Amino acid sequence: MNKIIAFSFSLLVLFFYFSFILIIGFKPELFGILVGDSYITVGIVIGLFVIVFSIFITFVYTFISNNYLDKIKDQLNK
């Protein structure tokens, strides 16, 4: 179960990261669009999303592992 969750979360993070990199490589003008009347571009917003999403997924995995998977492992070891 632990490997399935870890593999799924890893694939999810890799999907977002490589999608970001592929867009930068093939359509960089999409990331140059300004958001509203500010100097912030779509690329900055999406880049921050990828970082925050990776941190969030790590938090979720740590929470699941500490609260559920470790207890199951300890019960199996008894």
PDB file of N, CA and C in Angstrom:
ATOM      1  N   MET A   1       0.826  -1.201   0.000  1.00  0.00           N
ATOM      2  CA  MET A   1       0.000   0.000   0.000  1.00  0.00           C
ATOM      3  C   MET A   1       0.866   1.260   0.000  1.00  0.00           C
ATOM      4  N   ASN A   2       1.935   1.228   0.794  1.00  0.00           N
ATOM      5  CA  ASN A   2       2.831   2.374   0.892  1.00  0.00           C
ATOM      6  C   ASN A   2       3.470   2.684  -0.465  1.00  0.00           C
ATOM      7  N   LYS A   3       3.882   1.644  -1.175  1.00  0.00           N
ATOM      8  CA  LYS A   3       4.523   1.845  -2.471  1.00  0.00           C
ATOM      9  C   LYS A   3       3.543   2.392  -3.501  1.00  0.00           C
ATOM     10  N   ILE A   4       2.293   1.970  -3.432  1.00  0.00           N
ATOM     11  CA  ILE A   4       1.278   2.448  -4.378  1.00  0.00           C
ATOM     12  C   ILE A   4       1.033   3.938  -4.176  1.00  0.00           C
ATOM     13  N   ILE A   5       0.904   4.349  -2.927  1.00  0.00           N
ATOM     14  CA  ILE A   5       0.677   5.761  -2.636  1.00  0.00           C
ATOM     15  C   ILE A   5       1.888   6.597  -3.035  1.00  0.00           C
ATOM     16  N   ALA A   6       3.068   6.138  -2.673  1.00  0.00           N
ATOM     17  CA  ALA A   6       4.294   6.873  -3.003  1.00  0.00           C
ATOM     18  C   ALA A   6       4.462   6.986  -4.513  1.00  0.00           C
ATOM     19  N   PHE A   7       4.222   5.904  -5.236  1.00  0.00           N
ATOM     20  CA  PHE A   7       4.367   5.908  -6.690  1.00  0.00           C
ATOM     21  C   PHE A   7       3.327   6.834  -7.331  1.00  0.00           C
ATOM     22  N   SER A   8       2.095   6.800  -6.838  1.00  0.00           N
ATOM     23  CA  SER A   8       1.037   7.652  -7.385  1.00  0.00           C
ATOM     24  C   SER A   8       1.353   9.131  -7.173  1.00  0.00           C
ATOM     25  N   PHE A   9       1.779   9.473  -5.956  1.00  0.00           N
ATOM     26  CA  PHE A   9       2.106  10.866  -5.674  1.00  0.00           C
ATOM     27  C   PHE A   9       3.313  11.319  -6.487  1.00  0.00           C
ATOM     28  N   SER A  10       4.289  10.438  -6.656  1.00  0.00           N
ATOM     29  CA  SER A  10       5.471  10.781  -7.457  1.00  0.00           C
ATOM     30  C   SER A  10       5.091  11.036  -8.905  1.00  0.00           C
ATOM     31  N   LEU A  11       4.236  10.183  -9.451  1.00  0.00           N
ATOM     32  CA  LEU A  11       3.789  10.387 -10.836  1.00  0.00           C
ATOM     33  C   LEU A  11       3.012  11.686 -10.986  1.00  0.00           C
ATOM     34  N   LEU A  12       2.219  12.024 -10.007  1.00  0.00           N
ATOM     35  CA  LEU A  12       1.441  13.255 -10.054  1.00  0.00           C
ATOM     36  C   LEU A  12       2.359  14.479 -10.066  1.00  0.00           C
ATOM     37  N   VAL A  13       3.354  14.495  -9.202  1.00  0.00           N
ATOM     38  CA  VAL A  13       4.302  15.610  -9.155  1.00  0.00           C
ATOM     39  C   VAL A  13       5.117  15.666 -10.444  1.00  0.00           C
ATOM     40  N   LEU A  14       5.578  14.522 -10.919  1.00  0.00           N
ATOM     41  CA  LEU A  14       6.350  14.499 -12.170  1.00  0.00           C
ATOM     42  C   LEU A  14       5.524  14.965 -13.362  1.00  0.00           C
ATOM     43  N   PHE A  15       4.238  14.615 -13.382  1.00  0.00           N
ATOM     44  CA  PHE A  15       3.362  15.069 -14.464  1.00  0.00           C
ATOM     45  C   PHE A  15       3.300  16.594 -14.506  1.00  0.00           C
ATOM     46  N   PHE A  16       3.059  17.218 -13.350  1.00  0.00           N
ATOM     47  CA  PHE A  16       2.975  18.677 -13.321  1.00  0.00           C
ATOM     48  C   PHE A  16       4.311  19.327 -13.653  1.00  0.00           C
ATOM     49  N   TYR A  17       5.403  18.770 -13.120  1.00  0.00           N
ATOM     50  CA  TYR A  17       6.720  19.339 -13.375  1.00  0.00           C
ATOM     51  C   TYR A  17       7.102  19.241 -14.852  1.00  0.00           C
ATOM     52  N   PHE A  18       6.955  18.058 -15.436  1.00  0.00           N
ATOM     53  CA  PHE A  18       7.345  17.900 -16.834  1.00  0.00           C
ATOM     54  C   PHE A  18       6.395  18.613 -17.783  1.00  0.00           C
ATOM     55  N   SER A  19       5.136  18.759 -17.412  1.00  0.00           N
ATOM     56  CA  SER A  19       4.224  19.573 -18.209  1.00  0.00           C
ATOM     57  C   SER A  19       4.702  21.019 -18.226  1.00  0.00           C
ATOM     58  N   PHE A  20       5.105  21.520 -17.066  1.00  0.00           N
ATOM     59  CA  PHE A  20       5.637  22.872 -16.958  1.00  0.00           C
ATOM     60  C   PHE A  20       6.878  23.036 -17.842  1.00  0.00           C
ATOM     61  N   ILE A  21       7.787  22.085 -17.766  1.00  0.00           N
ATOM     62  CA  ILE A  21       9.030  22.154 -18.547  1.00  0.00           C
ATOM     63  C   ILE A  21       8.737  22.059 -20.044  1.00  0.00           C
ATOM     64  N   LEU A  22       7.811  21.184 -20.442  1.00  0.00           N
ATOM     65  CA  LEU A  22       7.479  21.051 -21.865  1.00  0.00           C
ATOM     66  C   LEU A  22       6.834  22.323 -22.416  1.00  0.00           C
ATOM     67  N   ILE A  23       5.992  22.958 -21.631  1.00  0.00           N
ATOM     68  CA  ILE A  23       5.395  24.217 -22.088  1.00  0.00           C
ATOM     69  C   ILE A  23       6.473  25.287 -22.231  1.00  0.00           C
ATOM     70  N   ILE A  24       7.411  25.336 -21.285  1.00  0.00           N
ATOM     71  CA  ILE A  24       8.517  26.291 -21.401  1.00  0.00           C
ATOM     72  C   ILE A  24       9.318  26.019 -22.675  1.00  0.00           C
ATOM     73  N   GLY A  25       9.520  24.743 -22.994  1.00  0.00           N
ATOM     74  CA  GLY A  25      10.328  24.389 -24.158  1.00  0.00           C
ATOM     75  C   GLY A  25       9.637  24.641 -25.493  1.00  0.00           C
ATOM     76  N   PHE A  26       8.343  24.403 -25.576  1.00  0.00           N
ATOM     77  CA  PHE A  26       7.665  24.465 -26.864  1.00  0.00           C
ATOM     78  C   PHE A  26       6.734  25.661 -27.042  1.00  0.00           C
ATOM     79  N   LYS A  27       6.217  26.246 -25.979  1.00  0.00           N
ATOM     80  CA  LYS A  27       5.330  27.412 -26.069  1.00  0.00           C
ATOM     81  C   LYS A  27       5.672  28.429 -24.979  1.00  0.00           C
ATOM     82  N   PRO A  28       6.886  28.957 -24.958  1.00  0.00           N
ATOM     83  CA  PRO A  28       7.273  29.861 -23.864  1.00  0.00           C
ATOM     84  C   PRO A  28       6.461  31.151 -23.832  1.00  0.00           C
ATOM     85  N   GLU A  29       5.873  31.536 -24.959  1.00  0.00           N
ATOM     86  CA  GLU A  29       5.095  32.775 -24.976  1.00  0.00           C
ATOM     87  C   GLU A  29       3.838  32.688 -24.097  1.00  0.00           C
ATOM     88  N   LEU A  30       3.380  31.471 -23.815  1.00  0.00           N
ATOM     89  CA  LEU A  30       2.229  31.314 -22.925  1.00  0.00           C
ATOM     90  C   LEU A  30       2.547  31.774 -21.510  1.00  0.00           C
ATOM     91  N   PHE A  31       3.778  31.598 -21.095  1.00  0.00           N
ATOM     92  CA  PHE A  31       4.170  31.984 -19.745  1.00  0.00           C
ATOM     93  C   PHE A  31       4.541  33.459 -19.638  1.00  0.00           C
ATOM     94  N   GLY A  32       4.555  34.160 -20.753  1.00  0.00           N
ATOM     95  CA  GLY A  32       4.883  35.582 -20.745  1.00  0.00           C
ATOM     96  C   GLY A  32       3.672  36.481 -20.626  1.00  0.00           C
ATOM     97  N   ILE A  33       2.492  35.909 -20.588  1.00  0.00           N
ATOM     98  CA  ILE A  33       1.254  36.693 -20.492  1.00  0.00           C
ATOM     99  C   ILE A  33       1.157  37.291 -19.092  1.00  0.00           C
ATOM    100  N   LEU A  34       0.880  38.581 -19.028  1.00  0.00           N
ATOM    101  CA  LEU A  34       0.759  39.255 -17.736  1.00  0.00           C
ATOM    102  C   LEU A  34      -0.591  38.959 -17.109  1.00  0.00           C
ATOM    103  N   VAL A  35      -0.609  38.876 -15.779  1.00  0.00           N
ATOM    104  CA  VAL A  35      -1.837  38.639 -15.035  1.00  0.00           C
ATOM    105  C   VAL A  35      -2.381  39.999 -14.603  1.00  0.00           C
ATOM    106  N   GLY A  36      -3.475  40.412 -15.202  1.00  0.00           N
ATOM    107  CA  GLY A  36      -4.091  41.692 -14.854  1.00  0.00           C
ATOM    108  C   GLY A  36      -3.187  42.865 -15.180  1.00  0.00           C
ATOM    109  N   ASP A  37      -3.184  43.861 -14.313  1.00  0.00           N
ATOM    110  CA  ASP A  37      -2.361  45.056 -14.507  1.00  0.00           C
ATOM    111  C   ASP A  37      -1.054  44.986 -13.723  1.00  0.00           C
ATOM    112  N   SER A  38      -0.630  43.804 -13.352  1.00  0.00           N
ATOM    113  CA  SER A  38       0.583  43.661 -12.546  1.00  0.00           C
ATOM    114  C   SER A  38       1.751  43.239 -13.433  1.00  0.00           C
ATOM    115  N   TYR A  39       2.885  43.091 -12.799  1.00  0.00           N
ATOM    116  CA  TYR A  39       4.077  42.618 -13.497  1.00  0.00           C
ATOM    117  C   TYR A  39       4.266  41.113 -13.330  1.00  0.00           C
ATOM    118  N   ILE A  40       3.293  40.465 -12.757  1.00  0.00           N
ATOM    119  CA  ILE A  40       3.361  39.025 -12.549  1.00  0.00           C
ATOM    120  C   ILE A  40       2.858  38.320 -13.802  1.00  0.00           C
ATOM    121  N   THR A  41       3.610  37.332 -14.243  1.00  0.00           N
ATOM    122  CA  THR A  41       3.229  36.597 -15.447  1.00  0.00           C
ATOM    123  C   THR A  41       2.588  35.256 -15.087  1.00  0.00           C
ATOM    124  N   VAL A  42       1.975  34.660 -16.083  1.00  0.00           N
ATOM    125  CA  VAL A  42       1.367  33.343 -15.909  1.00  0.00           C
ATOM    126  C   VAL A  42       2.430  32.317 -15.538  1.00  0.00           C
ATOM    127  N   GLY A  43       3.623  32.461 -16.069  1.00  0.00           N
ATOM    128  CA  GLY A  43       4.714  31.534 -15.763  1.00  0.00           C
ATOM    129  C   GLY A  43       5.087  31.541 -14.290  1.00  0.00           C
ATOM    130  N   ILE A  44       5.098  32.714 -13.684  1.00  0.00           N
ATOM    131  CA  ILE A  44       5.413  32.801 -12.261  1.00  0.00           C
ATOM    132  C   ILE A  44       4.330  32.125 -11.442  1.00  0.00           C
ATOM    133  N   VAL A  45       3.077  32.381 -11.795  1.00  0.00           N
ATOM    134  CA  VAL A  45       1.959  31.796 -11.054  1.00  0.00           C
ATOM    135  C   VAL A  45       1.976  30.273 -11.170  1.00  0.00           C
ATOM    136  N   ILE A  46       2.172  29.757 -12.365  1.00  0.00           N
ATOM    137  CA  ILE A  46       2.180  28.303 -12.558  1.00  0.00           C
ATOM    138  C   ILE A  46       3.416  27.683 -11.911  1.00  0.00           C
ATOM    139  N   GLY A  47       4.560  28.353 -11.995  1.00  0.00           N
ATOM    140  CA  GLY A  47       5.775  27.863 -11.339  1.00  0.00           C
ATOM    141  C   GLY A  47       5.603  27.763  -9.822  1.00  0.00           C
ATOM    142  N   LEU A  48       4.998  28.780  -9.230  1.00  0.00           N
ATOM    143  CA  LEU A  48       4.724  28.731  -7.796  1.00  0.00           C
ATOM    144  C   LEU A  48       3.724  27.633  -7.466  1.00  0.00           C
ATOM    145  N   PHE A  49       2.748  27.421  -8.356  1.00  0.00           N
ATOM    146  CA  PHE A  49       1.791  26.342  -8.143  1.00  0.00           C
ATOM    147  C   PHE A  49       2.490  24.988  -8.104  1.00  0.00           C
ATOM    148  N   VAL A  50       3.423  24.761  -9.013  1.00  0.00           N
ATOM    149  CA  VAL A  50       4.151  23.486  -9.052  1.00  0.00           C
ATOM    150  C   VAL A  50       4.923  23.285  -7.744  1.00  0.00           C
ATOM    151  N   ILE A  51       5.552  24.334  -7.245  1.00  0.00           N
ATOM    152  CA  ILE A  51       6.316  24.236  -5.997  1.00  0.00           C
ATOM    153  C   ILE A  51       5.394  23.965  -4.814  1.00  0.00           C
ATOM    154  N   VAL A  52       4.323  24.751  -4.701  1.00  0.00           N
ATOM    155  CA  VAL A  52       3.392  24.594  -3.584  1.00  0.00           C
ATOM    156  C   VAL A  52       2.697  23.240  -3.649  1.00  0.00           C
ATOM    157  N   PHE A  53       2.349  22.795  -4.850  1.00  0.00           N
ATOM    158  CA  PHE A  53       1.711  21.488  -5.018  1.00  0.00           C
ATOM    159  C   PHE A  53       2.647  20.371  -4.568  1.00  0.00           C
ATOM    160  N   SER A  54       3.926  20.471  -4.904  1.00  0.00           N
ATOM    161  CA  SER A  54       4.897  19.455  -4.485  1.00  0.00           C
ATOM    162  C   SER A  54       5.030  19.408  -2.968  1.00  0.00           C
ATOM    163  N   ILE A  55       5.065  20.575  -2.340  1.00  0.00           N
ATOM    164  CA  ILE A  55       5.135  20.624  -0.886  1.00  0.00           C
ATOM    165  C   ILE A  55       3.873  20.040  -0.274  1.00  0.00           C
ATOM    166  N   PHE A  56       2.713  20.360  -0.834  1.00  0.00           N
ATOM    167  CA  PHE A  56       1.444  19.847  -0.327  1.00  0.00           C
ATOM    168  C   PHE A  56       1.367  18.327  -0.444  1.00  0.00           C
ATOM    169  N   ILE A  57       1.771  17.786  -1.587  1.00  0.00           N
ATOM    170  CA  ILE A  57       1.752  16.330  -1.781  1.00  0.00           C
ATOM    171  C   ILE A  57       2.695  15.646  -0.788  1.00  0.00           C
ATOM    172  N   THR A  58       3.859  16.257  -0.532  1.00  0.00           N
ATOM    173  CA  THR A  58       4.780  15.708   0.460  1.00  0.00           C
ATOM    174  C   THR A  58       4.140  15.700   1.842  1.00  0.00           C
ATOM    175  N   PHE A  59       3.447  16.793   2.194  1.00  0.00           N
ATOM    176  CA  PHE A  59       2.751  16.864   3.479  1.00  0.00           C
ATOM    177  C   PHE A  59       1.678  15.783   3.584  1.00  0.00           C
ATOM    178  N   VAL A  60       0.893  15.610   2.526  1.00  0.00           N
ATOM    179  CA  VAL A  60      -0.177  14.603   2.536  1.00  0.00           C
ATOM    180  C   VAL A  60       0.410  13.209   2.695  1.00  0.00           C
ATOM    181  N   TYR A  61       1.476  12.899   1.961  1.00  0.00           N
ATOM    182  CA  TYR A  61       2.098  11.580   2.077  1.00  0.00           C
ATOM    183  C   TYR A  61       2.647  11.345   3.480  1.00  0.00           C
ATOM    184  N   THR A  62       3.299  12.361   4.052  1.00  0.00           N
ATOM    185  CA  THR A  62       3.842  12.231   5.403  1.00  0.00           C
ATOM    186  C   THR A  62       2.723  12.004   6.413  1.00  0.00           C
ATOM    187  N   PHE A  63       1.630  12.729   6.264  1.00  0.00           N
ATOM    188  CA  PHE A  63       0.489  12.570   7.160  1.00  0.00           C
ATOM    189  C   PHE A  63      -0.093  11.160   7.054  1.00  0.00           C
ATOM    190  N   ILE A  64      -0.301  10.684   5.830  1.00  0.00           N
ATOM    191  CA  ILE A  64      -0.851   9.337   5.624  1.00  0.00           C
ATOM    192  C   ILE A  64       0.104   8.286   6.184  1.00  0.00           C
ATOM    193  N   SER A  65       1.378   8.441   5.903  1.00  0.00           N
ATOM    194  CA  SER A  65       2.365   7.462   6.359  1.00  0.00           C
ATOM    195  C   SER A  65       2.447   7.407   7.882  1.00  0.00           C
ATOM    196  N   ASN A  66       2.506   8.565   8.511  1.00  0.00           N
ATOM    197  CA  ASN A  66       2.652   8.592   9.970  1.00  0.00           C
ATOM    198  C   ASN A  66       1.392   8.119  10.686  1.00  0.00           C
ATOM    199  N   ASN A  67       0.232   8.450  10.181  1.00  0.00           N
ATOM    200  CA  ASN A  67      -1.006   8.156  10.903  1.00  0.00           C
ATOM    201  C   ASN A  67      -1.639   6.814  10.550  1.00  0.00           C
ATOM    202  N   TYR A  68      -1.373   6.280   9.384  1.00  0.00           N
ATOM    203  CA  TYR A  68      -2.041   5.050   8.970  1.00  0.00           C
ATOM    204  C   TYR A  68      -1.079   3.916   8.630  1.00  0.00           C
ATOM    205  N   LEU A  69      -0.139   4.203   7.740  1.00  0.00           N
ATOM    206  CA  LEU A  69       0.710   3.129   7.240  1.00  0.00           C
ATOM    207  C   LEU A  69       1.670   2.594   8.311  1.00  0.00           C
ATOM    208  N   ASP A  70       2.204   3.463   9.157  1.00  0.00           N
ATOM    209  CA  ASP A  70       3.097   2.999  10.219  1.00  0.00           C
ATOM    210  C   ASP A  70       2.353   2.140  11.231  1.00  0.00           C
ATOM    211  N   LYS A  71       1.107   2.473  11.524  1.00  0.00           N
ATOM    212  CA  LYS A  71       0.304   1.673  12.452  1.00  0.00           C
ATOM    213  C   LYS A  71       0.018   0.292  11.867  1.00  0.00           C
ATOM    214  N   ILE A  72      -0.263   0.242  10.589  1.00  0.00           N
ATOM    215  CA  ILE A  72      -0.509  -1.051   9.936  1.00  0.00           C
ATOM    216  C   ILE A  72       0.763  -1.890   9.960  1.00  0.00           C
ATOM    217  N   LYS A  73       1.909  -1.250   9.683  1.00  0.00           N
ATOM    218  CA  LYS A  73       3.188  -1.962   9.698  1.00  0.00           C
ATOM    219  C   LYS A  73       3.495  -2.507  11.090  1.00  0.00           C
ATOM    220  N   ASP A  74       3.230  -1.724  12.125  1.00  0.00           N
ATOM    221  CA  ASP A  74       3.484  -2.160  13.484  1.00  0.00           C
ATOM    222  C   ASP A  74       2.574  -3.341  13.858  1.00  0.00           C
ATOM    223  N   GLN A  75       1.336  -3.325  13.400  1.00  0.00           N
ATOM    224  CA  GLN A  75       0.415  -4.447  13.674  1.00  0.00           C
ATOM    225  C   GLN A  75       0.873  -5.703  12.972  1.00  0.00           C
ATOM    226  N   LEU A  76       1.401  -5.576  11.786  1.00  0.00           N
ATOM    227  CA  LEU A  76       1.889  -6.741  11.040  1.00  0.00           C
ATOM    228  C   LEU A  76       3.152  -7.332  11.661  1.00  0.00           C
ATOM    229  N   ASN A  77       3.961  -6.481  12.279  1.00  0.00           N
ATOM    230  CA  ASN A  77       5.204  -6.940  12.892  1.00  0.00           C
ATOM    231  C   ASN A  77       4.986  -7.674  14.212  1.00  0.00           C
ATOM    232  N   LYS A  78       3.823  -7.510  14.821  1.00  0.00           N
ATOM    233  CA  LYS A  78       3.536  -8.163  16.097  1.00  0.00           C
ATOM    234  C   LYS A  78       3.282  -9.636  15.946  1.00  0.00           C
TER     235      LYS A  78
END
